[in-house]
Amino acid sequence: MKWTLLPAAGFMAHAARWDALRATGPSAPVLDSYVVGALLDAFGAGAELLALCEDAAGPAAAAVLAPQGAGRWATFQPSQAPVGPWLQRPGLDTDALLAGLVRALPGCALLAGLTQCDPFLLPRPAGPRASTDDYIDTARISVAGDFDSWWNGRGKNLRANLRKQRNRLAGAGIAPRLEVWRAPERMAQAVADYGRLESTGWKGRAGTAVAADNAQGRFYRALLEASCALGRGSVYRYWFGEELVAMDLCIEEGDCIVVLKTAYDERVPAHYSPALLMREEACRRLFDEGRVRRIEFYGKVMEWHTRWTDEIRTMYHLNHYRWQALGRLHAWRRRAA
């Protein structure tokens, strides 16, 4: 196996190769080349590397890496990226791939880390020079059968609570409705609207909410415009009458849709639960359309997730050490700490 290292600033010139390798494994919209490219454009520092590996059968692995300090590299991982950008051809030994990568990295690299790994995409590996740490539990909904059968399998408290919210809305003369935007030219407005919703909550008070004119807003606009131009983006917008009260920003591919971001107007009385009502209607639509088989959330499992699904898995971080003794020393220091 041979690793080639290139400046990640030229990532999009290698997008076809990246996506061809990605297509050999499970569907992963969050690792599409246009997603990685948008992340680099918005949050790259300029020192990132694109690492490409080939063997006799062709492309074997690829990653975008960022320096973490003396002798340490890890996958490029801005907070807006749900999964670290690492790909490998199914059936290959992750430990052997990383051993070759560590030797190829500049200087005398001591460690290569893969961050926020999804076991659905990369089964948790084991090797003499590897260690893994749990990251978060995350949830998905499998879209199978009809909506009513799935919905009746949810807890009766959830179903009763949302029915009660709808009755309250009807009593107040408020008609809820769901719309979906998919046109690239509407994404600037979608991100601006999303930012206004998010700013009504704690992120607005902390100054971390998405806004049309900040780095996050520019990233999500570029990402959604690119995804919608490919027919792979969607923005779910939920209304109480003429008032926009909740939104989901999503990307799709094949049989999978990923809910990247959710916001709701926190000025709306909590007993109306706009985000949960939107989730019910969005799920109904996805079941009825039959286009996807997985709804991925990728965020940390919250209490509400457990009422919607029992499909929960643990994401993890992986460290690979140049020498086995170094891994043992690192583990000993962490236990001592």
Protein backbone atom coordinates (compact mmCIF):
# COMPACT_ATOMS: atom_id res chain seq x y z
CA MET A 1 0.00 0.00 0.00
CA LYS A 2 1.23 3.46 -0.88
CA TRP A 3 0.10 6.70 0.78
CA THR A 4 0.27 10.04 -1.04
CA LEU A 5 -0.05 13.32 0.87
CA LEU A 6 -1.36 16.47 -0.80
CA PRO A 7 -2.48 19.91 0.43
CA ALA A 8 -6.17 19.63 1.29
CA ALA A 9 -6.75 23.03 -0.29
CA GLY A 10 -6.89 21.12 -3.57
CA PHE A 11 -9.40 18.60 -2.25
CA MET A 12 -12.09 19.18 -4.89
CA ALA A 13 -9.67 18.25 -7.68
CA HIS A 14 -9.76 14.73 -6.21
CA ALA A 15 -13.51 14.68 -5.46
CA ALA A 16 -14.32 12.00 -8.05
CA ARG A 17 -11.71 9.68 -6.58
CA TRP A 18 -12.99 10.37 -3.05
CA ASP A 19 -16.59 9.65 -4.00
CA ALA A 20 -15.70 6.50 -5.92
CA LEU A 21 -14.06 5.12 -2.79
CA ARG A 22 -16.98 6.23 -0.62
CA ALA A 23 -19.40 4.42 -2.93
CA THR A 24 -17.79 1.07 -2.07
CA GLY A 25 -19.21 1.22 1.46
CA PRO A 26 -22.51 2.06 3.19
CA SER A 27 -24.35 5.23 2.16
CA ALA A 28 -22.87 8.17 4.04
CA PRO A 29 -24.16 11.60 2.97
CA VAL A 30 -22.05 13.35 5.61
CA LEU A 31 -18.86 12.16 3.86
CA ASP A 32 -19.82 13.23 0.34
CA SER A 33 -17.05 15.26 -1.34
CA TYR A 34 -19.17 18.41 -1.51
CA VAL A 35 -19.67 18.23 2.29
CA VAL A 36 -15.95 17.80 2.99
CA GLY A 37 -15.12 20.53 0.48
CA ALA A 38 -17.56 22.97 2.10
CA LEU A 39 -16.10 22.22 5.55
CA LEU A 40 -12.57 22.90 4.30
CA ASP A 41 -13.63 26.12 2.59
CA ALA A 42 -15.37 27.42 5.71
CA PHE A 43 -13.21 26.12 8.55
CA GLY A 44 -9.88 24.92 7.15
CA ALA A 45 -6.77 26.58 8.55
CA GLY A 46 -4.56 25.81 5.54
CA ALA A 47 -2.38 23.16 7.15
CA GLU A 48 -4.73 20.25 6.42
CA LEU A 49 -3.57 17.34 4.26
CA LEU A 50 -5.43 15.07 1.88
CA ALA A 51 -4.08 11.54 2.33
CA LEU A 52 -4.74 9.02 -0.46
CA CYS A 53 -3.82 5.33 -0.33
CA GLU A 54 -3.66 2.85 -3.19
CA ASP A 55 -2.90 -0.85 -3.42
CA ALA A 56 -2.80 -3.28 -6.32
CA ALA A 57 -6.62 -3.25 -6.52
CA GLY A 58 -6.87 0.56 -6.72
CA PRO A 59 -7.96 3.21 -4.18
CA ALA A 60 -7.80 1.70 -0.70
CA ALA A 61 -8.30 4.58 1.75
CA ALA A 62 -8.48 8.36 1.99
CA ALA A 63 -8.61 10.96 4.74
CA VAL A 64 -8.42 14.68 5.43
CA LEU A 65 -6.03 15.27 8.32
CA ALA A 66 -5.09 18.24 10.48
CA PRO A 67 -1.99 18.66 12.69
CA GLN A 68 -2.67 18.41 16.43
CA GLY A 69 0.76 19.31 17.77
CA ALA A 70 4.21 17.75 17.73
CA GLY A 71 4.02 14.30 16.14
CA ARG A 72 0.22 14.11 16.25
CA TRP A 73 -2.34 14.17 13.43
CA ALA A 74 -6.09 13.55 13.43
CA THR A 75 -8.96 13.73 11.01
CA PHE A 76 -10.13 17.26 10.25
CA GLN A 77 -13.01 17.75 12.67
CA PRO A 78 -14.77 21.12 12.89
CA SER A 79 -17.80 20.99 15.14
CA GLN A 80 -20.12 21.13 12.12
CA ALA A 81 -18.83 17.75 10.85
CA PRO A 82 -20.78 14.80 12.31
CA VAL A 83 -18.16 12.20 11.29
CA GLY A 84 -14.39 12.38 10.78
CA PRO A 85 -13.38 12.32 7.08
CA TRP A 86 -11.88 8.85 6.75
CA LEU A 87 -12.77 6.32 4.02
CA GLN A 88 -11.54 2.82 3.37
CA ARG A 89 -12.48 0.02 1.05
CA PRO A 90 -14.56 -2.60 2.86
CA GLY A 91 -12.61 -5.66 3.97
CA LEU A 92 -9.28 -3.90 4.48
CA ASP A 93 -7.43 -3.91 7.81
CA THR A 94 -7.81 -0.48 9.44
CA ASP A 95 -4.79 -1.10 11.67
CA ALA A 96 -2.56 -1.86 8.68
CA LEU A 97 -3.83 1.20 6.80
CA LEU A 98 -3.12 3.47 9.75
CA ALA A 99 0.33 1.94 10.28
CA GLY A 100 1.22 2.93 6.74
CA LEU A 101 -0.29 6.39 7.20
CA VAL A 102 1.69 7.12 10.36
CA ARG A 103 4.92 6.24 8.55
CA ALA A 104 3.97 8.50 5.62
CA LEU A 105 3.04 11.59 7.64
CA PRO A 106 5.54 14.48 7.84
CA GLY A 107 8.35 14.29 10.34
CA CYS A 108 8.34 11.43 12.77
CA ALA A 109 4.61 11.19 13.38
CA LEU A 110 3.82 9.37 16.60
CA LEU A 111 0.05 9.13 16.39
CA ALA A 112 -2.80 9.31 13.89
CA GLY A 113 -6.31 9.75 15.26
CA LEU A 114 -9.67 9.09 13.62
CA THR A 115 -12.30 11.20 15.35
CA GLN A 116 -16.06 10.69 15.65
CA CYS A 117 -16.13 7.31 13.93
CA ASP A 118 -19.50 5.76 13.15
CA PRO A 119 -19.45 1.98 13.72
CA PHE A 120 -22.03 1.60 10.95
CA LEU A 121 -19.48 3.02 8.49
CA LEU A 122 -16.29 1.74 10.17
CA PRO A 123 -16.62 -1.21 12.56
CA ARG A 124 -14.66 -0.62 15.74
CA PRO A 125 -11.21 -2.04 15.00
CA ALA A 126 -8.71 -3.74 17.26
CA GLY A 127 -4.96 -3.85 16.87
CA PRO A 128 -1.79 -3.94 18.97
CA ARG A 129 -1.10 -0.24 18.35
CA ALA A 130 -4.68 1.03 18.47
CA SER A 131 -6.93 2.29 21.23
CA THR A 132 -10.52 3.47 21.09
CA ASP A 133 -12.62 5.71 23.31
CA ASP A 134 -16.37 6.13 23.34
CA TYR A 135 -17.52 9.46 21.91
CA ILE A 136 -21.33 9.71 22.07
CA ASP A 137 -24.39 7.55 21.63
CA THR A 138 -26.36 8.51 18.54
CA ALA A 139 -29.74 7.47 17.17
CA ARG A 140 -31.40 6.55 13.90
CA ILE A 141 -34.89 5.65 12.74
CA SER A 142 -35.27 2.81 10.24
CA VAL A 143 -37.98 3.57 7.69
CA ALA A 144 -39.69 0.25 7.07
CA GLY A 145 -43.34 -0.60 6.51
CA ASP A 146 -46.07 2.01 6.80
CA PHE A 147 -46.11 5.05 9.06
CA ASP A 148 -49.16 4.08 11.11
CA SER A 149 -47.66 0.72 12.08
CA TRP A 150 -44.39 2.38 13.06
CA TRP A 151 -46.12 5.20 14.92
CA ASN A 152 -48.31 2.78 16.87
CA GLY A 153 -45.10 1.15 18.04
CA ARG A 154 -44.02 4.34 19.77
CA GLY A 155 -44.92 4.82 23.42
CA LYS A 156 -48.51 5.75 24.12
CA ASN A 157 -47.38 8.77 26.17
CA LEU A 158 -45.61 10.26 23.14
CA ARG A 159 -48.58 9.68 20.89
CA ALA A 160 -51.03 11.02 23.47
CA ASN A 161 -48.92 14.12 24.17
CA LEU A 162 -48.65 15.07 20.50
CA ARG A 163 -52.35 14.43 19.97
CA LYS A 164 -53.00 16.77 22.89
CA GLN A 165 -50.77 19.46 21.32
CA ARG A 166 -52.73 19.23 18.07
CA ASN A 167 -56.00 19.55 19.95
CA ARG A 168 -54.67 22.65 21.71
CA LEU A 169 -53.70 24.18 18.38
CA ALA A 170 -57.11 23.39 16.90
CA GLY A 171 -58.80 24.91 19.94
CA ALA A 172 -56.76 28.07 19.47
CA GLY A 173 -57.67 28.19 15.78
CA ILE A 174 -54.07 27.55 14.68
CA ALA A 175 -53.49 25.35 11.61
CA PRO A 176 -50.06 23.64 11.52
CA ARG A 177 -48.46 22.73 8.21
CA LEU A 178 -45.21 21.28 6.92
CA GLU A 179 -43.42 22.38 3.76
CA VAL A 180 -40.16 21.15 2.24
CA TRP A 181 -37.75 23.33 0.27
CA ARG A 182 -35.35 21.71 -2.19
CA ALA A 183 -34.45 24.50 -4.65
CA PRO A 184 -30.85 25.80 -4.39
CA GLU A 185 -31.95 29.40 -4.88
CA ARG A 186 -34.06 29.23 -1.71
CA MET A 187 -31.25 28.12 0.60
CA ALA A 188 -30.01 31.63 1.43
CA GLN A 189 -33.47 32.46 2.76
CA ALA A 190 -33.71 29.08 4.50
CA VAL A 191 -30.46 29.65 6.41
CA ALA A 192 -31.48 33.20 7.35
CA ASP A 193 -34.82 31.89 8.66
CA TYR A 194 -33.07 29.08 10.51
CA GLY A 195 -30.73 31.57 12.17
CA ARG A 196 -33.65 33.64 13.39
CA LEU A 197 -35.22 30.57 14.99
CA GLU A 198 -31.98 29.43 16.61
CA SER A 199 -31.31 32.93 17.97
CA THR A 200 -34.47 32.72 20.11
CA GLY A 201 -32.80 30.16 22.38
CA TRP A 202 -29.65 29.74 24.43
CA LYS A 203 -27.43 29.79 21.34
CA GLY A 204 -28.67 33.28 20.58
CA ARG A 205 -27.90 34.39 24.13
CA ALA A 206 -24.44 32.79 23.93
CA GLY A 207 -23.70 34.30 20.52
CA THR A 208 -23.23 30.88 18.87
CA ALA A 209 -26.40 30.73 16.78
CA VAL A 210 -26.28 30.35 13.01
CA ALA A 211 -26.68 33.69 11.20
CA ALA A 212 -26.74 34.55 7.51
CA ASP A 213 -23.58 36.65 7.88
CA ASN A 214 -21.42 34.46 10.15
CA ALA A 215 -19.11 31.55 9.29
CA GLN A 216 -21.67 28.91 10.26
CA GLY A 217 -24.36 30.54 8.16
CA ARG A 218 -22.11 30.83 5.13
CA PHE A 219 -21.13 27.17 5.53
CA TYR A 220 -24.70 25.87 5.75
CA ARG A 221 -25.79 28.02 2.84
CA ALA A 222 -22.94 26.70 0.64
CA LEU A 223 -23.59 23.13 1.78
CA LEU A 224 -27.33 23.25 1.16
CA GLU A 225 -26.98 25.02 -2.19
CA ALA A 226 -24.54 22.34 -3.33
CA SER A 227 -26.65 19.46 -2.00
CA CYS A 228 -29.88 20.81 -3.49
CA ALA A 229 -28.19 21.35 -6.87
CA LEU A 230 -27.43 17.61 -6.79
CA GLY A 231 -30.97 16.74 -5.69
CA ARG A 232 -29.68 15.71 -2.26
CA GLY A 233 -30.73 18.53 0.05
CA SER A 234 -33.94 19.40 1.87
CA VAL A 235 -35.13 21.93 4.43
CA TYR A 236 -38.22 21.05 6.45
CA ARG A 237 -40.19 24.11 7.56
CA TYR A 238 -43.04 23.87 10.08
CA TRP A 239 -45.67 26.56 10.48
CA PHE A 240 -48.31 27.48 13.01
CA GLY A 241 -50.63 29.42 10.75
CA GLU A 242 -48.46 32.17 9.23
CA GLU A 243 -45.69 31.81 11.82
CA LEU A 244 -42.58 29.73 11.07
CA VAL A 245 -41.87 27.82 14.29
CA ALA A 246 -39.42 24.97 13.52
CA MET A 247 -36.92 23.84 10.88
CA ASP A 248 -34.69 20.90 9.97
CA LEU A 249 -31.66 21.26 7.70
CA CYS A 250 -31.03 17.92 5.94
CA ILE A 251 -28.84 16.23 3.37
CA GLU A 252 -29.69 12.99 1.61
CA GLU A 253 -28.15 10.28 -0.49
CA GLY A 254 -29.43 6.92 -1.63
CA ASP A 255 -31.44 5.37 1.18
CA CYS A 256 -30.35 7.80 3.91
CA ILE A 257 -31.35 11.26 5.12
CA VAL A 258 -29.30 13.06 7.78
CA VAL A 259 -30.86 15.72 9.99
CA LEU A 260 -27.91 18.09 10.37
CA LYS A 261 -29.56 20.82 12.42
CA THR A 262 -32.89 21.42 14.14
CA ALA A 263 -34.19 24.70 15.54
CA TYR A 264 -37.51 25.90 16.85
CA ASP A 265 -38.87 29.21 18.10
CA GLU A 266 -38.36 29.04 21.85
CA ARG A 267 -40.81 31.91 22.33
CA VAL A 268 -43.63 29.50 21.42
CA PRO A 269 -45.22 28.07 24.60
CA ALA A 270 -43.56 24.74 25.42
CA HIS A 271 -46.89 22.89 25.56
CA TYR A 272 -47.15 23.23 21.76
CA SER A 273 -43.90 21.26 21.11
CA PRO A 274 -43.32 22.58 17.56
CA ALA A 275 -40.14 20.56 16.94
CA LEU A 276 -41.78 17.28 17.94
CA LEU A 277 -44.89 17.98 15.88
CA MET A 278 -42.62 18.74 12.92
CA ARG A 279 -40.74 15.49 13.51
CA GLU A 280 -43.97 13.48 13.44
CA GLU A 281 -45.11 15.06 10.17
CA ALA A 282 -41.65 14.76 8.59
CA CYS A 283 -41.48 11.07 9.51
CA ARG A 284 -44.96 10.51 8.12
CA ARG A 285 -43.93 12.09 4.83
CA LEU A 286 -40.71 10.05 4.60
CA PHE A 287 -42.56 6.79 5.30
CA ASP A 288 -45.20 7.66 2.71
CA GLU A 289 -42.63 8.65 0.06
CA GLY A 290 -40.63 5.44 0.52
CA ARG A 291 -37.42 7.11 -0.73
CA VAL A 292 -35.20 6.50 2.28
CA ARG A 293 -34.59 3.67 4.69
CA ARG A 294 -32.62 5.49 7.40
CA ILE A 295 -33.13 8.78 9.23
CA GLU A 296 -29.83 9.65 10.92
CA PHE A 297 -29.48 12.26 13.68
CA TYR A 298 -25.77 11.99 14.58
CA GLY A 299 -26.11 14.29 17.57
CA LYS A 300 -25.83 13.09 21.14
CA VAL A 301 -28.82 10.99 22.18
CA MET A 302 -31.32 13.09 24.11
CA GLU A 303 -34.29 11.88 26.12
CA TRP A 304 -36.67 12.63 23.25
CA HIS A 305 -34.69 10.37 20.89
CA THR A 306 -35.37 7.39 23.14
CA ARG A 307 -39.12 7.94 22.73
CA TRP A 308 -38.83 7.82 18.94
CA THR A 309 -36.40 4.94 18.46
CA ASP A 310 -34.43 2.24 20.23
CA GLU A 311 -31.80 2.15 17.46
CA ILE A 312 -28.87 3.64 19.34
CA ARG A 313 -25.17 3.02 18.70
CA THR A 314 -21.94 4.35 20.20
CA MET A 315 -19.60 6.46 18.09
CA TYR A 316 -15.94 6.40 19.01
CA HIS A 317 -12.49 7.95 18.60
CA LEU A 318 -9.57 5.81 17.43
CA ASN A 319 -5.87 6.45 18.08
CA HIS A 320 -3.16 4.54 16.24
CA TYR A 321 0.39 4.74 17.66
CA ARG A 322 3.61 4.41 15.75
CA TRP A 323 4.94 2.03 18.39
CA GLN A 324 2.98 -0.30 20.63
CA ALA A 325 4.94 0.85 23.67
CA LEU A 326 3.83 4.42 23.03
CA GLY A 327 0.20 3.33 23.15
CA ARG A 328 0.79 1.53 26.46
CA LEU A 329 2.52 4.63 27.88
CA HIS A 330 -0.34 6.85 26.78
CA ALA A 331 -2.89 4.49 28.33
CA TRP A 332 -0.92 4.39 31.60
CA ARG A 333 -0.71 8.20 31.78
CA ARG A 334 -4.45 8.52 31.19
CA ARG A 335 -5.24 5.98 33.94
CA ALA A 336 -2.90 7.82 36.30
CA ALA A 337 -4.54 11.13 35.49
